[in-house]
C-alpha atoms as a PDB file:
ATOM      1  CA  MET A   1      18.012 -38.411  -8.635  1.00  0.00           C
ATOM      2  CA  GLN A   2      15.367 -36.775  -6.427  1.00  0.00           C
ATOM      3  CA  LYS A   3      17.520 -37.111  -3.297  1.00  0.00           C
ATOM      4  CA  ARG A   4      20.354 -35.325  -5.040  1.00  0.00           C
ATOM      5  CA  ASN A   5      18.169 -32.340  -6.076  1.00  0.00           C
ATOM      6  CA  ALA A   6      16.369 -31.964  -2.744  1.00  0.00           C
ATOM      7  CA  PRO A   7      19.100 -29.813  -1.059  1.00  0.00           C
ATOM      8  CA  ILE A   8      19.247 -27.484  -4.067  1.00  0.00           C
ATOM      9  CA  ILE A   9      15.484 -27.043  -4.141  1.00  0.00           C
ATOM     10  CA  THR A  10      15.378 -26.488  -0.367  1.00  0.00           C
ATOM     11  CA  ALA A  11      18.169 -23.903  -0.490  1.00  0.00           C
ATOM     12  CA  THR A  12      16.439 -22.060  -3.333  1.00  0.00           C
ATOM     13  CA  LEU A  13      13.168 -21.874  -1.418  1.00  0.00           C
ATOM     14  CA  VAL A  14      14.872 -20.687   1.773  1.00  0.00           C
ATOM     15  CA  LEU A  15      16.825 -17.966  -0.050  1.00  0.00           C
ATOM     16  CA  ALA A  16      13.723 -16.836  -1.948  1.00  0.00           C
ATOM     17  CA  GLY A  17      12.025 -16.213   1.388  1.00  0.00           C
ATOM     18  CA  CYS A  18      14.786 -13.749   2.319  1.00  0.00           C
ATOM     19  CA  ALA A  19      13.916 -11.301  -0.447  1.00  0.00           C
ATOM     20  CA  VAL A  20      12.458  -8.004   0.746  1.00  0.00           C
ATOM     21  CA  PRO A  21       9.634  -6.671  -1.420  1.00  0.00           C
ATOM     22  CA  THR A  22       9.909  -3.000  -2.299  1.00  0.00           C
ATOM     23  CA  LEU A  23       6.932  -0.717  -2.492  1.00  0.00           C
ATOM     24  CA  ASP A  24       7.417   2.065  -4.996  1.00  0.00           C
ATOM     25  CA  ASP A  25       4.060   3.779  -4.807  1.00  0.00           C
ATOM     26  CA  GLY A  26       4.922   6.995  -6.597  1.00  0.00           C
ATOM     27  CA  ALA A  27       1.301   8.152  -6.680  1.00  0.00           C
ATOM     28  CA  ALA A  28       0.919   7.857  -2.914  1.00  0.00           C
ATOM     29  CA  ARG A  29       4.122   9.692  -2.024  1.00  0.00           C
ATOM     30  CA  ASN A  30       4.668  13.372  -2.542  1.00  0.00           C
ATOM     31  CA  GLU A  31       7.868  14.891  -3.782  1.00  0.00           C
ATOM     32  CA  ALA A  32      10.174  16.339  -1.166  1.00  0.00           C
ATOM     33  CA  GLY A  33       9.267  19.874  -0.214  1.00  0.00           C
ATOM     34  CA  SER A  34       5.539  19.587  -0.877  1.00  0.00           C
ATOM     35  CA  VAL A  35       4.628  20.186   2.775  1.00  0.00           C
ATOM     36  CA  PRO A  36       4.693  23.894   3.695  1.00  0.00           C
ATOM     37  CA  GLU A  37       7.295  25.090   6.197  1.00  0.00           C
ATOM     38  CA  ALA A  38       4.520  26.238   8.559  1.00  0.00           C
ATOM     39  CA  VAL A  39       3.151  22.691   8.725  1.00  0.00           C
ATOM     40  CA  ILE A  40       6.625  21.297   9.381  1.00  0.00           C
ATOM     41  CA  ALA A  41       7.049  23.785  12.232  1.00  0.00           C
ATOM     42  CA  LEU A  42       3.700  22.742  13.769  1.00  0.00           C
ATOM     43  CA  ALA A  43       4.259  18.981  13.492  1.00  0.00           C
ATOM     44  CA  ALA A  44       5.145  17.045  16.616  1.00  0.00           C
ATOM     45  CA  PRO A  45       8.411  15.075  16.621  1.00  0.00           C
ATOM     46  CA  GLY A  46       8.426  11.389  15.700  1.00  0.00           C
ATOM     47  CA  GLN A  47       6.327  11.689  12.540  1.00  0.00           C
ATOM     48  CA  ASP A  48       7.621  10.898   9.043  1.00  0.00           C
ATOM     49  CA  LEU A  49       7.290  14.228   7.251  1.00  0.00           C
ATOM     50  CA  THR A  50       8.837  12.826   4.069  1.00  0.00           C
ATOM     51  CA  THR A  51       5.609  10.918   3.408  1.00  0.00           C
ATOM     52  CA  ALA A  52       3.244  13.679   4.576  1.00  0.00           C
ATOM     53  CA  ARG A  53       0.582  14.874   2.166  1.00  0.00           C
ATOM     54  CA  LEU A  54      -2.641  16.858   2.124  1.00  0.00           C
ATOM     55  CA  ARG A  55      -5.760  14.783   1.543  1.00  0.00           C
ATOM     56  CA  PRO A  56      -8.426  16.746  -0.333  1.00  0.00           C
ATOM     57  CA  GLU A  57     -11.214  14.597   1.187  1.00  0.00           C
ATOM     58  CA  ASP A  58     -10.860  16.158   4.625  1.00  0.00           C
ATOM     59  CA  GLY A  59      -8.343  18.989   4.158  1.00  0.00           C
ATOM     60  CA  CYS A  60      -5.929  17.485   6.708  1.00  0.00           C
ATOM     61  CA  TYR A  61      -2.310  16.403   6.447  1.00  0.00           C
ATOM     62  CA  TRP A  62      -1.588  12.681   6.785  1.00  0.00           C
ATOM     63  CA  TYR A  63       1.665  10.732   6.889  1.00  0.00           C
ATOM     64  CA  GLU A  64       2.544   7.113   6.274  1.00  0.00           C
ATOM     65  CA  HIS A  65       3.391   5.185   9.450  1.00  0.00           C
ATOM     66  CA  SER A  66       5.508   2.098   8.771  1.00  0.00           C
ATOM     67  CA  GLY A  67       4.437  -0.524  11.276  1.00  0.00           C
ATOM     68  CA  PRO A  68       5.799  -4.042  11.716  1.00  0.00           C
ATOM     69  CA  VAL A  69       3.090  -5.525   9.479  1.00  0.00           C
ATOM     70  CA  GLU A  70       1.804  -2.795   7.178  1.00  0.00           C
ATOM     71  CA  ASN A  71       1.973   0.881   6.295  1.00  0.00           C
ATOM     72  CA  THR A  72      -0.940   2.981   7.533  1.00  0.00           C
ATOM     73  CA  LEU A  73      -1.992   6.564   6.889  1.00  0.00           C
ATOM     74  CA  VAL A  74      -2.096   8.474  10.175  1.00  0.00           C
ATOM     75  CA  PRO A  75      -3.164  12.104  10.721  1.00  0.00           C
ATOM     76  CA  LEU A  76      -0.262  14.504  11.100  1.00  0.00           C
ATOM     77  CA  ARG A  77      -0.551  15.991  14.588  1.00  0.00           C
ATOM     78  CA  SER A  78       0.765  19.090  16.297  1.00  0.00           C
ATOM     79  CA  ALA A  79       2.710  19.023  19.561  1.00  0.00           C
ATOM     80  CA  GLY A  80      -0.614  19.501  21.398  1.00  0.00           C
ATOM     81  CA  GLY A  81      -2.069  16.379  19.748  1.00  0.00           C
ATOM     82  CA  ASN A  82      -4.454  18.161  17.382  1.00  0.00           C
ATOM     83  CA  PRO A  83      -4.605  17.154  13.691  1.00  0.00           C
ATOM     84  CA  ILE A  84      -3.048  19.666  11.289  1.00  0.00           C
ATOM     85  CA  CYS A  85      -5.688  20.735   8.759  1.00  0.00           C
ATOM     86  CA  THR A  86      -6.203  23.579   6.328  1.00  0.00           C
ATOM     87  CA  SER A  87      -8.976  26.091   6.903  1.00  0.00           C
ATOM     88  CA  ARG A  88     -12.212  25.383   5.086  1.00  0.00           C
ATOM     89  CA  GLN A  89     -13.629  28.004   2.804  1.00  0.00           C
ATOM     90  CA  SER A  90     -17.402  28.369   2.702  1.00  0.00           C
END
C-alpha cells in the first residue's frame, strides 16, 4: 500500500514547491500617481517608480528593489547619483 502511494505523495510535494508566493503589501505600496512629476523627472533611469514613496523619517524618496532573494528599500537617486529628498523646514 505504501509503495503505491509514494509516487502520488512525491508528485504532490514537487508540485507544491513550484507555487510562487505573492506579496500583497498594500500598506507598503503607494497608489499610482503619488510621486510628484518633478520627482519623476529628476529620477535616474532603471529605478522602479511604481513602488516609490516618501518616507517621513528622513524626508527622502525610496523605492522597492526586487532582488533575486528579497525586496529591499533603496533611496531614489537622481541622474547625478544624489538621493532625492524634500527640503526640511526649520
